N, C-alpha and C. Protein backbone atom coordinates (compact mmCIF):
# COMPACT_ATOMS: atom_id res chain seq x y z
N MET A 1 -37.77 -10.88 31.93
CA MET A 1 -37.92 -11.02 32.96
C MET A 1 -37.68 -9.95 34.60
N GLU A 2 -38.39 -9.34 35.14
CA GLU A 2 -38.49 -8.41 35.86
C GLU A 2 -37.37 -8.68 37.12
N LEU A 3 -36.73 -7.86 37.63
CA LEU A 3 -35.27 -7.53 37.80
C LEU A 3 -36.02 -9.00 39.54
N ASP A 4 -37.20 -8.59 39.91
CA ASP A 4 -37.25 -9.23 41.20
C ASP A 4 -37.56 -10.47 41.23
N GLN A 5 -37.98 -10.64 39.67
CA GLN A 5 -38.31 -12.70 39.69
C GLN A 5 -36.78 -12.66 39.18
N TYR A 6 -35.91 -12.04 38.41
CA TYR A 6 -34.96 -12.54 38.07
C TYR A 6 -33.73 -13.07 39.24
N LEU A 7 -33.82 -11.60 40.27
CA LEU A 7 -33.50 -11.94 42.04
C LEU A 7 -33.45 -13.81 42.34
N ALA A 8 -34.67 -13.75 42.27
CA ALA A 8 -35.66 -15.14 42.97
C ALA A 8 -34.88 -15.84 42.43
N GLU A 9 -34.83 -15.96 41.15
CA GLU A 9 -34.22 -17.37 39.93
C GLU A 9 -33.16 -17.59 40.44
N LEU A 10 -32.34 -16.48 40.11
CA LEU A 10 -30.91 -16.54 40.52
C LEU A 10 -30.29 -17.10 41.68
N THR A 11 -31.11 -16.85 43.03
CA THR A 11 -31.04 -17.35 43.99
C THR A 11 -31.59 -18.91 44.63
N ARG A 12 -32.54 -19.12 43.94
CA ARG A 12 -33.49 -20.89 44.03
C ARG A 12 -31.85 -21.29 42.86
N ARG A 13 -31.38 -20.95 42.07
CA ARG A 13 -30.64 -21.69 41.39
C ARG A 13 -29.61 -22.30 42.18
N MET A 14 -28.49 -20.61 42.69
CA MET A 14 -27.65 -20.84 43.67
C MET A 14 -27.88 -22.41 44.56
N GLN A 15 -29.04 -21.56 45.42
CA GLN A 15 -29.92 -22.81 46.00
C GLN A 15 -30.07 -24.71 45.68
N ALA A 16 -29.99 -24.68 44.58
CA ALA A 16 -29.84 -25.85 44.08
C ALA A 16 -28.68 -26.70 44.00
N ILE A 17 -27.72 -25.59 43.63
CA ILE A 17 -26.51 -25.83 43.44
C ILE A 17 -25.56 -26.35 44.57
N LEU A 18 -25.78 -25.62 45.40
CA LEU A 18 -24.81 -25.15 46.56
C LEU A 18 -25.14 -25.58 48.42
N GLY A 19 -26.57 -26.04 48.24
CA GLY A 19 -27.26 -26.68 49.19
C GLY A 19 -27.17 -25.69 50.42
N GLU A 20 -27.19 -26.70 51.68
CA GLU A 20 -26.93 -25.84 52.88
C GLU A 20 -25.54 -24.95 52.56
N GLU A 21 -24.40 -25.00 52.12
CA GLU A 21 -23.28 -24.82 51.92
C GLU A 21 -23.50 -22.82 51.82
N LEU A 22 -24.80 -22.74 51.60
CA LEU A 22 -25.29 -21.80 50.78
C LEU A 22 -25.61 -20.68 52.33
N LEU A 23 -25.13 -20.13 52.91
CA LEU A 23 -24.58 -19.11 53.86
C LEU A 23 -25.91 -17.83 53.74
N GLY A 24 -25.52 -17.25 52.49
CA GLY A 24 -26.28 -16.19 52.34
C GLY A 24 -26.58 -14.94 50.98
N VAL A 25 -27.52 -15.24 50.80
CA VAL A 25 -27.12 -14.10 49.09
C VAL A 25 -27.71 -12.44 49.28
N TYR A 26 -26.91 -11.67 48.77
CA TYR A 26 -27.36 -10.20 48.79
C TYR A 26 -27.04 -9.71 48.06
N ALA A 27 -28.56 -8.69 47.34
CA ALA A 27 -28.47 -7.84 46.44
C ALA A 27 -27.40 -6.35 47.01
N GLY A 28 -26.66 -6.31 45.89
CA GLY A 28 -26.08 -4.72 46.65
C GLY A 28 -25.89 -4.01 45.22
N GLY A 29 -24.90 -2.71 45.43
CA GLY A 29 -25.23 -1.59 44.58
C GLY A 29 -26.21 -1.01 44.61
N SER A 30 -26.65 -0.29 43.22
CA SER A 30 -27.76 0.64 42.74
C SER A 30 -28.85 0.00 43.70
N TYR A 31 -29.30 -0.76 43.42
CA TYR A 31 -30.38 -1.90 43.75
C TYR A 31 -30.19 -1.56 45.53
N ALA A 32 -29.54 -2.03 46.45
CA ALA A 32 -29.30 -1.93 47.86
C ALA A 32 -29.82 -0.46 48.47
N LEU A 33 -29.18 0.65 47.33
CA LEU A 33 -29.21 1.58 47.82
C LEU A 33 -29.94 2.73 47.09
N GLY A 34 -30.97 2.09 46.41
CA GLY A 34 -32.11 2.85 46.30
C GLY A 34 -32.62 3.41 45.20
N ALA A 35 -31.59 3.37 44.65
CA ALA A 35 -30.75 4.38 43.04
C ALA A 35 -31.00 3.21 41.99
N TYR A 36 -31.36 1.96 41.31
CA TYR A 36 -31.62 1.21 40.31
C TYR A 36 -31.94 2.07 39.32
N ASP A 37 -31.31 1.96 37.96
CA ASP A 37 -32.00 2.57 36.94
C ASP A 37 -31.65 1.54 35.81
N PRO A 38 -33.14 0.74 35.71
CA PRO A 38 -32.88 -0.07 34.41
C PRO A 38 -32.54 0.05 33.09
N GLY A 39 -32.30 1.42 32.98
CA GLY A 39 -31.52 1.24 31.20
C GLY A 39 -30.16 1.52 32.09
N ARG A 40 -29.98 1.88 33.08
CA ARG A 40 -28.44 1.85 33.42
C ARG A 40 -27.41 1.15 33.98
N SER A 41 -27.87 0.65 35.51
CA SER A 41 -27.29 -0.54 36.36
C SER A 41 -27.35 -1.53 36.23
N ASP A 42 -25.82 -1.86 36.35
CA ASP A 42 -25.64 -3.55 36.80
C ASP A 42 -26.48 -4.47 37.64
N VAL A 43 -26.43 -5.10 37.77
CA VAL A 43 -27.12 -5.99 38.94
C VAL A 43 -25.89 -6.76 40.08
N ASP A 44 -25.38 -6.11 41.45
CA ASP A 44 -24.74 -6.50 41.89
C ASP A 44 -25.24 -7.65 42.83
N VAL A 45 -24.35 -8.53 42.86
CA VAL A 45 -25.06 -9.90 43.91
C VAL A 45 -24.12 -10.37 44.93
N THR A 46 -23.69 -10.92 45.62
CA THR A 46 -23.05 -11.56 46.56
C THR A 46 -23.55 -12.60 47.57
N ALA A 47 -23.01 -13.75 47.11
CA ALA A 47 -23.24 -14.69 47.84
C ALA A 47 -21.64 -15.29 48.96
N VAL A 48 -22.48 -15.92 50.06
CA VAL A 48 -21.61 -16.47 51.06
C VAL A 48 -21.60 -17.91 51.04
N VAL A 49 -20.54 -18.81 50.93
CA VAL A 49 -20.39 -20.21 50.83
C VAL A 49 -19.95 -20.64 52.70
N ALA A 50 -20.24 -21.38 53.25
CA ALA A 50 -19.62 -21.99 53.98
C ALA A 50 -17.94 -22.06 54.23
N GLU A 51 -17.57 -22.76 52.99
CA GLU A 51 -16.40 -23.01 52.60
C GLU A 51 -15.69 -23.04 51.51
N PRO A 52 -14.51 -22.87 50.82
CA PRO A 52 -14.48 -22.64 49.58
C PRO A 52 -15.07 -23.52 48.49
N LEU A 53 -15.10 -23.65 47.55
CA LEU A 53 -15.68 -23.90 46.91
C LEU A 53 -14.92 -24.85 45.70
N ALA A 54 -15.36 -26.38 45.32
CA ALA A 54 -14.58 -27.07 44.23
C ALA A 54 -14.77 -26.35 43.02
N PRO A 55 -13.80 -26.46 42.36
CA PRO A 55 -13.70 -26.16 40.58
C PRO A 55 -14.94 -26.50 40.19
N GLU A 56 -15.19 -27.58 40.28
CA GLU A 56 -16.17 -27.97 39.55
C GLU A 56 -17.75 -27.20 39.92
N THR A 57 -18.11 -27.11 40.86
CA THR A 57 -19.20 -26.13 41.84
C THR A 57 -18.79 -24.72 40.98
N LYS A 58 -17.85 -24.42 41.12
CA LYS A 58 -17.75 -23.16 40.38
C LYS A 58 -18.15 -23.00 38.69
N GLN A 59 -17.22 -24.18 38.18
CA GLN A 59 -18.37 -24.18 36.79
C GLN A 59 -19.43 -24.24 37.09
N ALA A 60 -20.39 -25.13 37.73
CA ALA A 60 -21.90 -25.44 37.74
C ALA A 60 -22.45 -24.02 37.81
N LEU A 61 -21.67 -23.29 38.46
CA LEU A 61 -22.40 -21.84 38.94
C LEU A 61 -22.67 -21.26 38.03
N VAL A 62 -21.37 -20.74 37.25
CA VAL A 62 -21.04 -19.88 35.75
C VAL A 62 -22.34 -20.67 34.96
N ALA A 63 -22.24 -21.89 34.46
CA ALA A 63 -23.18 -22.74 33.97
C ALA A 63 -24.41 -22.09 33.72
N ALA A 64 -24.92 -22.40 35.05
CA ALA A 64 -26.06 -22.20 35.65
C ALA A 64 -26.87 -20.54 35.16
N LEU A 65 -25.71 -19.66 35.83
CA LEU A 65 -25.94 -17.43 35.82
C LEU A 65 -25.64 -17.32 34.87
N ARG A 66 -25.03 -17.34 33.86
CA ARG A 66 -24.41 -16.47 33.13
C ARG A 66 -25.92 -16.06 32.79
N HIS A 67 -25.69 -15.08 31.31
CA HIS A 67 -26.89 -14.52 30.82
C HIS A 67 -26.85 -15.60 29.48
N GLU A 68 -26.43 -16.35 29.57
CA GLU A 68 -26.67 -17.30 28.03
C GLU A 68 -28.17 -18.24 28.82
N ALA A 69 -27.28 -18.21 29.88
CA ALA A 69 -28.56 -19.48 30.62
C ALA A 69 -29.84 -18.69 31.75
N LEU A 70 -29.10 -17.96 32.15
CA LEU A 70 -30.76 -17.05 33.09
C LEU A 70 -30.47 -15.52 31.96
N PRO A 71 -31.18 -15.10 31.10
CA PRO A 71 -30.85 -13.63 30.55
C PRO A 71 -31.28 -12.95 32.01
N CYS A 72 -30.45 -11.61 31.84
CA CYS A 72 -30.19 -10.64 33.27
C CYS A 72 -30.98 -9.49 32.79
N PRO A 73 -31.94 -9.43 33.02
CA PRO A 73 -33.03 -7.68 32.52
C PRO A 73 -31.77 -6.14 32.60
N ALA A 74 -30.92 -6.31 33.20
CA ALA A 74 -30.23 -5.20 33.22
C ALA A 74 -28.77 -5.00 32.45
N ARG A 75 -27.97 -4.53 32.65
CA ARG A 75 -26.95 -4.07 31.97
C ARG A 75 -26.32 -5.26 32.11
N GLY A 76 -26.25 -5.93 33.23
CA GLY A 76 -25.58 -7.09 33.30
C GLY A 76 -24.90 -7.67 34.68
N LEU A 77 -25.04 -8.97 35.21
CA LEU A 77 -24.82 -9.42 36.44
C LEU A 77 -23.62 -8.90 36.79
N GLU A 78 -23.20 -8.65 37.83
CA GLU A 78 -21.70 -8.79 38.71
C GLU A 78 -22.16 -9.94 40.15
N LEU A 79 -21.69 -10.55 40.10
CA LEU A 79 -21.72 -11.94 40.94
C LEU A 79 -20.22 -11.81 41.37
N VAL A 80 -20.23 -12.35 43.05
CA VAL A 80 -19.19 -12.27 43.45
C VAL A 80 -19.62 -13.35 45.08
N VAL A 81 -19.17 -14.64 45.01
CA VAL A 81 -19.42 -15.64 46.12
C VAL A 81 -17.52 -15.71 47.01
N TYR A 82 -17.79 -15.39 48.07
CA TYR A 82 -17.03 -15.24 49.28
C TYR A 82 -17.31 -16.65 50.18
N PRO A 83 -15.97 -17.00 50.76
CA PRO A 83 -16.03 -18.23 51.83
C PRO A 83 -16.48 -17.15 53.04
N LEU A 84 -17.01 -17.94 53.96
CA LEU A 84 -17.70 -17.01 55.25
C LEU A 84 -16.37 -16.72 55.62
N ALA A 85 -15.07 -17.48 55.64
CA ALA A 85 -14.09 -16.82 56.39
C ALA A 85 -13.38 -15.77 56.06
N THR A 86 -13.87 -15.13 54.74
CA THR A 86 -13.48 -13.68 53.83
C THR A 86 -13.97 -12.81 54.59
N VAL A 87 -15.71 -12.86 54.45
CA VAL A 87 -16.77 -11.94 55.19
C VAL A 87 -16.43 -11.41 56.21
N ARG A 88 -15.91 -12.45 57.08
CA ARG A 88 -15.71 -12.62 58.31
C ARG A 88 -14.32 -11.50 59.03
N SER A 89 -13.61 -11.94 58.17
CA SER A 89 -12.09 -11.50 58.79
C SER A 89 -12.19 -9.62 58.59
N GLY A 90 -13.13 -9.27 58.20
CA GLY A 90 -12.76 -7.39 58.25
C GLY A 90 -12.13 -7.22 56.94
N SER A 91 -11.47 -8.18 56.37
CA SER A 91 -10.00 -7.88 55.58
C SER A 91 -10.17 -6.72 54.06
N GLY A 92 -9.22 -6.11 54.13
CA GLY A 92 -8.97 -5.36 52.79
C GLY A 92 -8.81 -6.48 51.27
N GLU A 93 -8.34 -7.41 51.76
CA GLU A 93 -8.38 -8.36 50.68
C GLU A 93 -9.26 -8.60 49.61
N PRO A 94 -8.88 -9.23 48.53
CA PRO A 94 -10.32 -9.46 47.85
C PRO A 94 -10.72 -10.81 48.34
N GLY A 95 -10.26 -11.76 48.67
CA GLY A 95 -10.79 -12.84 49.00
C GLY A 95 -11.90 -13.85 48.63
N PHE A 96 -11.93 -13.56 46.97
CA PHE A 96 -13.29 -14.36 46.62
C PHE A 96 -13.11 -15.86 46.07
N ASP A 97 -14.38 -16.47 45.85
CA ASP A 97 -14.18 -17.47 45.51
C ASP A 97 -14.53 -17.47 44.04
N LEU A 98 -15.54 -16.82 43.73
CA LEU A 98 -15.76 -16.88 42.44
C LEU A 98 -16.34 -15.52 41.81
N ASN A 99 -15.77 -14.86 40.97
CA ASN A 99 -15.95 -13.45 40.58
C ASN A 99 -16.92 -13.58 38.68
N LEU A 100 -18.34 -13.50 38.51
CA LEU A 100 -18.66 -13.71 37.57
C LEU A 100 -19.26 -12.24 36.77
N ASN A 101 -19.09 -11.95 35.68
CA ASN A 101 -19.98 -10.77 35.09
C ASN A 101 -20.70 -11.12 33.61
N SER A 102 -21.97 -11.14 33.66
CA SER A 102 -22.34 -11.78 32.16
C SER A 102 -23.61 -10.80 32.33
N GLY A 103 -23.65 -10.21 31.11
CA GLY A 103 -25.35 -9.87 30.57
C GLY A 103 -25.55 -8.91 29.40
N PRO A 104 -26.59 -8.18 28.91
CA PRO A 104 -26.02 -8.23 27.25
C PRO A 104 -25.57 -7.19 27.14
N ASP A 105 -24.98 -6.35 28.05
CA ASP A 105 -24.15 -5.04 27.45
C ASP A 105 -23.01 -5.17 28.63
N MET A 106 -22.43 -6.41 29.12
CA MET A 106 -20.92 -6.55 29.78
C MET A 106 -20.44 -7.91 29.28
N ALA A 107 -19.13 -7.26 29.14
CA ALA A 107 -18.25 -8.32 28.27
C ALA A 107 -18.49 -9.50 29.67
N PHE A 108 -18.09 -10.80 29.23
CA PHE A 108 -18.49 -12.29 29.58
C PHE A 108 -16.81 -12.24 30.75
N ARG A 109 -16.89 -12.06 31.95
CA ARG A 109 -15.56 -13.01 32.17
C ARG A 109 -15.49 -13.85 33.72
N ALA A 110 -15.23 -14.62 34.40
CA ALA A 110 -15.43 -15.79 34.95
C ALA A 110 -13.85 -15.80 35.99
N ASP A 111 -13.47 -15.42 36.96
CA ASP A 111 -12.07 -15.21 38.06
C ASP A 111 -12.70 -16.52 38.72
N ASP A 112 -11.57 -17.27 39.04
CA ASP A 112 -12.10 -18.56 40.19
C ASP A 112 -11.22 -18.19 41.19
N ALA A 113 -10.46 -17.06 41.35
CA ALA A 113 -9.73 -17.35 42.02
C ALA A 113 -9.23 -15.60 42.18
N PRO A 114 -8.46 -14.31 43.18
CA PRO A 114 -8.37 -13.61 42.64
C PRO A 114 -6.74 -13.08 41.94
N GLY A 115 -6.54 -12.64 41.34
CA GLY A 115 -5.57 -12.54 40.50
C GLY A 115 -5.57 -11.37 39.45
N ASP A 116 -5.63 -11.90 38.21
CA ASP A 116 -6.04 -10.44 36.75
C ASP A 116 -6.87 -9.72 37.42
N ILE A 117 -7.72 -8.85 38.31
CA ILE A 117 -8.41 -8.39 38.55
C ILE A 117 -7.61 -7.13 39.48
N GLU A 118 -8.71 -5.91 39.18
CA GLU A 118 -8.49 -4.82 40.58
C GLU A 118 -8.90 -5.22 41.64
N GLY A 119 -8.25 -5.80 42.13
CA GLY A 119 -8.25 -6.09 43.88
C GLY A 119 -9.56 -5.10 45.18
N PHE A 120 -9.45 -3.64 44.52
CA PHE A 120 -9.82 -2.87 45.94
C PHE A 120 -11.15 -3.07 45.46
N TRP A 121 -12.15 -3.47 44.73
CA TRP A 121 -13.32 -2.93 44.69
C TRP A 121 -13.77 -3.99 45.83
N PHE A 122 -13.47 -5.39 46.22
CA PHE A 122 -14.04 -6.67 46.58
C PHE A 122 -14.54 -5.95 48.08
N ALA A 123 -13.55 -5.36 48.88
CA ALA A 123 -13.87 -5.03 50.02
C ALA A 123 -14.32 -3.65 50.41
N ILE A 124 -14.29 -2.81 49.43
CA ILE A 124 -15.56 -1.38 49.40
C ILE A 124 -16.34 -2.09 49.55
N ASP A 125 -16.98 -3.30 48.32
CA ASP A 125 -18.00 -3.73 47.68
C ASP A 125 -18.75 -4.63 49.10
N ARG A 126 -17.84 -5.25 50.04
CA ARG A 126 -18.44 -5.94 51.27
C ARG A 126 -18.74 -4.53 52.21
N ALA A 127 -18.03 -3.75 52.26
CA ALA A 127 -18.56 -2.29 53.10
C ALA A 127 -19.69 -1.94 53.07
N ILE A 128 -20.14 -1.86 51.93
CA ILE A 128 -21.47 -1.15 51.53
C ILE A 128 -22.43 -2.24 51.66
N LEU A 129 -21.91 -3.52 51.16
CA LEU A 129 -22.95 -4.82 51.60
C LEU A 129 -23.37 -4.86 53.33
N ARG A 130 -22.15 -4.32 53.98
CA ARG A 130 -23.07 -4.24 55.51
C ARG A 130 -23.68 -3.90 55.93
N ASP A 131 -23.90 -2.20 55.35
CA ASP A 131 -24.67 -1.80 55.84
C ASP A 131 -26.04 -1.33 54.93
N HIS A 132 -26.26 -1.94 53.86
CA HIS A 132 -26.92 -1.77 52.81
C HIS A 132 -27.24 -2.74 52.17
N GLY A 133 -26.47 -4.40 52.81
CA GLY A 133 -27.10 -5.36 51.27
C GLY A 133 -28.83 -5.66 51.94
N VAL A 134 -29.20 -6.17 50.44
CA VAL A 134 -30.91 -6.77 50.47
C VAL A 134 -30.68 -7.89 50.88
N PRO A 135 -30.84 -8.79 51.53
CA PRO A 135 -30.67 -10.28 51.64
C PRO A 135 -32.07 -11.04 50.86
N LEU A 136 -31.23 -12.03 50.34
CA LEU A 136 -32.37 -12.62 49.23
C LEU A 136 -32.35 -13.99 49.83
N HIS A 137 -31.67 -14.37 50.55
CA HIS A 137 -31.53 -15.17 51.26
C HIS A 137 -30.56 -15.18 52.18
N GLY A 138 -30.59 -15.85 53.49
CA GLY A 138 -30.24 -15.34 54.64
C GLY A 138 -30.36 -14.70 55.68
N PRO A 139 -29.22 -14.37 56.68
CA PRO A 139 -29.54 -13.31 57.37
C PRO A 139 -29.40 -12.06 57.29
N PRO A 140 -29.43 -11.02 57.81
CA PRO A 140 -29.09 -9.78 57.34
C PRO A 140 -27.50 -9.75 56.86
N ALA A 141 -27.16 -8.52 56.46
CA ALA A 141 -25.75 -8.78 55.83
C ALA A 141 -24.96 -8.54 57.35
N ALA A 142 -25.25 -7.90 58.07
CA ALA A 142 -24.14 -7.02 58.69
C ALA A 142 -23.87 -8.80 60.03
N GLU A 143 -24.41 -9.86 60.33
CA GLU A 143 -24.64 -10.63 60.75
C GLU A 143 -23.61 -12.05 60.48
N LEU A 144 -23.21 -11.59 58.62
CA LEU A 144 -22.32 -12.39 58.52
C LEU A 144 -21.36 -11.50 58.08
N PHE A 145 -21.20 -9.88 57.61
CA PHE A 145 -19.96 -9.27 57.24
C PHE A 145 -19.19 -8.34 58.69
N ALA A 146 -17.93 -8.69 58.41
CA ALA A 146 -17.33 -7.79 59.74
C ALA A 146 -17.32 -6.32 58.99
N PRO A 147 -17.23 -5.33 59.86
CA PRO A 147 -17.06 -4.23 59.42
C PRO A 147 -15.76 -3.97 58.89
N VAL A 148 -15.17 -3.59 57.75
CA VAL A 148 -13.73 -2.66 56.95
C VAL A 148 -13.61 -1.70 57.95
N PRO A 149 -11.98 -1.55 58.94
CA PRO A 149 -11.84 -0.70 59.17
C PRO A 149 -11.81 0.41 58.78
N ARG A 150 -11.87 1.97 58.93
CA ARG A 150 -11.63 3.03 57.91
C ARG A 150 -10.69 2.97 57.71
N GLU A 151 -9.24 2.25 58.38
CA GLU A 151 -7.87 2.78 58.42
C GLU A 151 -7.36 1.70 57.05
N ALA A 152 -7.99 0.69 56.35
CA ALA A 152 -8.02 -0.45 55.23
C ALA A 152 -9.24 0.13 53.95
N LEU A 153 -10.25 0.70 54.36
CA LEU A 153 -10.71 1.35 53.15
C LEU A 153 -9.96 2.71 52.40
N LEU A 154 -9.92 3.51 53.72
CA LEU A 154 -9.50 4.65 52.17
C LEU A 154 -8.18 4.32 51.61
N PRO A 155 -7.15 3.43 51.62
CA PRO A 155 -6.17 2.97 51.00
C PRO A 155 -6.93 2.77 49.43
N LEU A 156 -7.80 1.71 49.81
CA LEU A 156 -8.53 1.48 48.82
C LEU A 156 -9.14 2.49 48.31
N LEU A 157 -9.57 2.90 48.53
CA LEU A 157 -10.63 4.27 48.22
C LEU A 157 -10.05 4.76 47.12
N ALA A 158 -8.49 5.32 47.41
CA ALA A 158 -7.44 5.75 46.60
C ALA A 158 -7.13 4.81 45.39
N GLU A 159 -6.76 4.10 45.91
CA GLU A 159 -6.76 2.96 44.64
C GLU A 159 -7.79 3.06 43.61
N SER A 160 -8.72 3.00 44.23
CA SER A 160 -9.88 3.25 43.24
C SER A 160 -9.83 4.55 41.91
N VAL A 161 -9.45 5.28 42.90
CA VAL A 161 -9.76 6.95 42.12
C VAL A 161 -8.78 6.80 41.08
N ARG A 162 -7.37 6.34 42.17
CA ARG A 162 -6.27 6.13 40.82
C ARG A 162 -6.57 5.18 39.81
N TRP A 163 -6.80 4.71 40.13
CA TRP A 163 -7.25 3.35 38.61
C TRP A 163 -8.20 4.54 37.96
N HIS A 164 -9.40 5.02 38.03
CA HIS A 164 -9.76 5.88 37.33
C HIS A 164 -8.99 6.87 36.66
N ARG A 165 -8.19 7.27 37.25
CA ARG A 165 -7.36 8.50 36.65
C ARG A 165 -6.70 7.58 35.47
N ASP A 166 -6.14 6.70 35.93
CA ASP A 166 -4.85 6.23 35.05
C ASP A 166 -5.47 5.41 34.09
N SER A 167 -6.81 5.20 34.20
CA SER A 167 -7.47 3.84 32.76
C SER A 167 -7.50 4.34 32.11
N ASP A 168 -8.00 3.70 30.93
CA ASP A 168 -8.46 4.47 29.31
C ASP A 168 -9.94 4.27 29.57
N VAL A 169 -10.89 4.80 30.80
CA VAL A 169 -12.28 4.77 31.46
C VAL A 169 -12.69 6.29 30.98
N PRO A 170 -13.23 6.68 29.91
CA PRO A 170 -13.72 8.09 29.74
C PRO A 170 -13.96 8.51 31.10
N VAL A 171 -13.66 9.95 31.07
CA VAL A 171 -14.36 10.42 32.75
C VAL A 171 -15.12 10.96 32.55
N GLY A 172 -16.66 10.16 32.83
CA GLY A 172 -17.78 9.99 32.53
C GLY A 172 -17.98 10.59 33.79
N SER A 173 -19.54 10.63 33.62
CA SER A 173 -20.24 10.62 35.55
C SER A 173 -20.06 9.47 36.01
N ASP A 174 -19.95 8.09 35.94
CA ASP A 174 -19.91 7.17 36.64
C ASP A 174 -18.57 7.49 37.11
N VAL A 175 -17.78 8.10 36.79
CA VAL A 175 -16.21 8.11 37.40
C VAL A 175 -16.12 9.27 38.08
N VAL A 176 -16.87 10.64 38.20
CA VAL A 176 -17.06 11.44 39.65
C VAL A 176 -17.84 10.71 39.82
N LEU A 177 -18.94 10.12 39.81
CA LEU A 177 -19.50 9.84 41.06
C LEU A 177 -19.03 9.15 41.83
N ASN A 178 -18.24 8.30 41.10
CA ASN A 178 -17.32 7.11 42.38
C ASN A 178 -16.94 7.59 43.43
N THR A 179 -15.78 8.78 42.16
CA THR A 179 -15.08 9.56 43.57
C THR A 179 -15.44 10.50 44.49
N ALA A 180 -16.80 10.61 43.87
CA ALA A 180 -17.44 11.82 45.17
C ALA A 180 -17.80 10.86 46.12
N ARG A 181 -18.11 9.65 45.48
CA ARG A 181 -18.76 8.68 47.06
C ARG A 181 -17.71 8.62 48.17
N SER A 182 -16.60 8.04 47.06
CA SER A 182 -15.36 8.03 47.85
C SER A 182 -15.05 8.96 48.88
N LEU A 183 -14.85 10.34 48.46
CA LEU A 183 -14.80 11.38 49.18
C LEU A 183 -15.86 11.56 50.16
N HIS A 184 -17.46 11.57 49.43
CA HIS A 184 -17.88 10.98 50.87
C HIS A 184 -17.95 10.49 51.74
N PHE A 185 -17.61 9.22 51.75
CA PHE A 185 -17.62 8.52 53.02
C PHE A 185 -16.22 8.80 53.94
N ALA A 186 -15.04 9.34 53.15
CA ALA A 186 -13.93 9.95 53.28
C ALA A 186 -13.87 11.09 54.87
N ASP A 187 -15.39 11.85 54.49
CA ASP A 187 -16.00 12.74 54.81
C ASP A 187 -16.97 12.59 56.59
N THR A 188 -17.89 11.83 55.75
CA THR A 188 -18.98 11.19 56.78
C THR A 188 -18.64 9.78 57.30
N GLY A 189 -17.83 9.05 56.54
CA GLY A 189 -18.11 7.56 57.03
C GLY A 189 -19.55 6.51 56.79
N GLN A 190 -20.51 7.63 55.96
CA GLN A 190 -21.31 6.55 55.58
C GLN A 190 -21.50 6.84 53.74
N TRP A 191 -21.95 5.29 53.24
CA TRP A 191 -22.25 5.03 52.40
C TRP A 191 -23.77 5.40 51.64
N VAL A 192 -23.67 6.11 50.49
CA VAL A 192 -24.91 6.50 49.77
C VAL A 192 -24.51 6.08 47.84
N SER A 193 -25.46 6.21 47.60
CA SER A 193 -25.90 6.23 45.72
C SER A 193 -25.11 7.23 45.29
N LYS A 194 -24.63 6.87 43.99
CA LYS A 194 -24.10 7.80 43.35
C LYS A 194 -25.02 9.16 43.13
N ARG A 195 -26.62 9.20 43.04
CA ARG A 195 -27.34 9.95 42.69
C ARG A 195 -27.25 10.32 43.89
N ALA A 196 -27.42 10.11 45.28
CA ALA A 196 -27.55 11.00 46.54
C ALA A 196 -26.21 11.69 46.66
N VAL A 197 -24.87 11.31 45.90
CA VAL A 197 -23.73 11.82 46.18
C VAL A 197 -23.75 12.88 45.49
N GLY A 198 -23.94 12.67 44.24
CA GLY A 198 -24.54 14.09 43.40
C GLY A 198 -24.96 15.03 44.09
N ALA A 199 -26.11 14.86 44.23
CA ALA A 199 -27.28 15.96 45.07
C ALA A 199 -26.11 16.61 46.34
N TYR A 200 -25.61 16.01 47.36
CA TYR A 200 -24.94 16.42 48.43
C TYR A 200 -23.68 17.25 47.90
N PHE A 201 -23.13 17.38 46.62
CA PHE A 201 -22.12 17.62 46.45
C PHE A 201 -22.57 19.18 45.80
N LEU A 202 -23.58 18.43 44.71
CA LEU A 202 -24.32 20.23 44.18
C LEU A 202 -24.79 20.86 45.37
N ASP A 203 -25.41 20.60 46.08
CA ASP A 203 -26.34 21.37 47.21
C ASP A 203 -24.74 22.36 48.33
N GLY A 204 -23.69 21.34 48.58
CA GLY A 204 -22.62 21.69 49.05
C GLY A 204 -22.14 22.40 48.25
N ALA A 205 -21.49 23.01 47.08
CA ALA A 205 -20.86 24.05 45.69
C ALA A 205 -22.11 25.47 46.22
N LEU A 206 -23.52 25.11 45.95
CA LEU A 206 -24.16 25.95 45.97
C LEU A 206 -24.48 26.59 47.30
N ALA A 207 -24.16 25.71 48.10
CA ALA A 207 -24.07 26.35 49.57
C ALA A 207 -22.58 28.10 49.74
N ARG A 208 -21.71 27.06 49.23
CA ARG A 208 -20.40 27.56 48.74
C ARG A 208 -20.58 29.30 48.10
N LEU A 209 -21.13 28.82 46.72
CA LEU A 209 -21.02 29.74 45.87
C LEU A 209 -22.07 31.08 47.00
N ASP A 210 -23.03 31.07 46.97
CA ASP A 210 -23.96 31.29 47.79
C ASP A 210 -23.24 32.53 48.99
N ARG A 211 -22.63 31.95 49.70
CA ARG A 211 -21.48 32.74 50.68
C ARG A 211 -21.12 33.78 49.86
N GLY A 212 -20.42 33.24 48.92
CA GLY A 212 -19.59 34.39 48.04
C GLY A 212 -17.98 34.33 48.44
């Protein structure tokens, strides 16, 4: 299944389960930033619901959307569902109702509340979504997502860099480019793709070296 068809079916299944409670569905990550790589990228999707979900509704979403039920054409699906109160708060807290990871090359996990998961990623992703999220259902992302203040984001970006430094994740291109993107945001206040931030720092390095 092609990615756009997959996203349309994912959205349709969420609408069937959630009905009018589903206020918005947005594609984020590399897809939204124009750098989706079919061989390497995840599919990042965020949904906003009017009120916190009941446990049985969360279970129904997981059953309908996990890779075994709806095959993901990418490395994996990273789906986060937030209540409206979280996305309108501008908070740095995780504040999600459901976090689902599932795909052919991704370990399955389903969290029904923040807890045993790194919480810093979520507000960072919401900040990127506000500026770049692609609506699959509902209004433009900026109509639902409040800005996350810079003073809340910078400590979270520092946490993400420390996590990369201290974890068992090999220091490869994704680690370096995630760190570079954090620095780019600190310098410019703008979110860009990993591909674009790599070019930004390469150009900067060449300019500096050419000056001698």
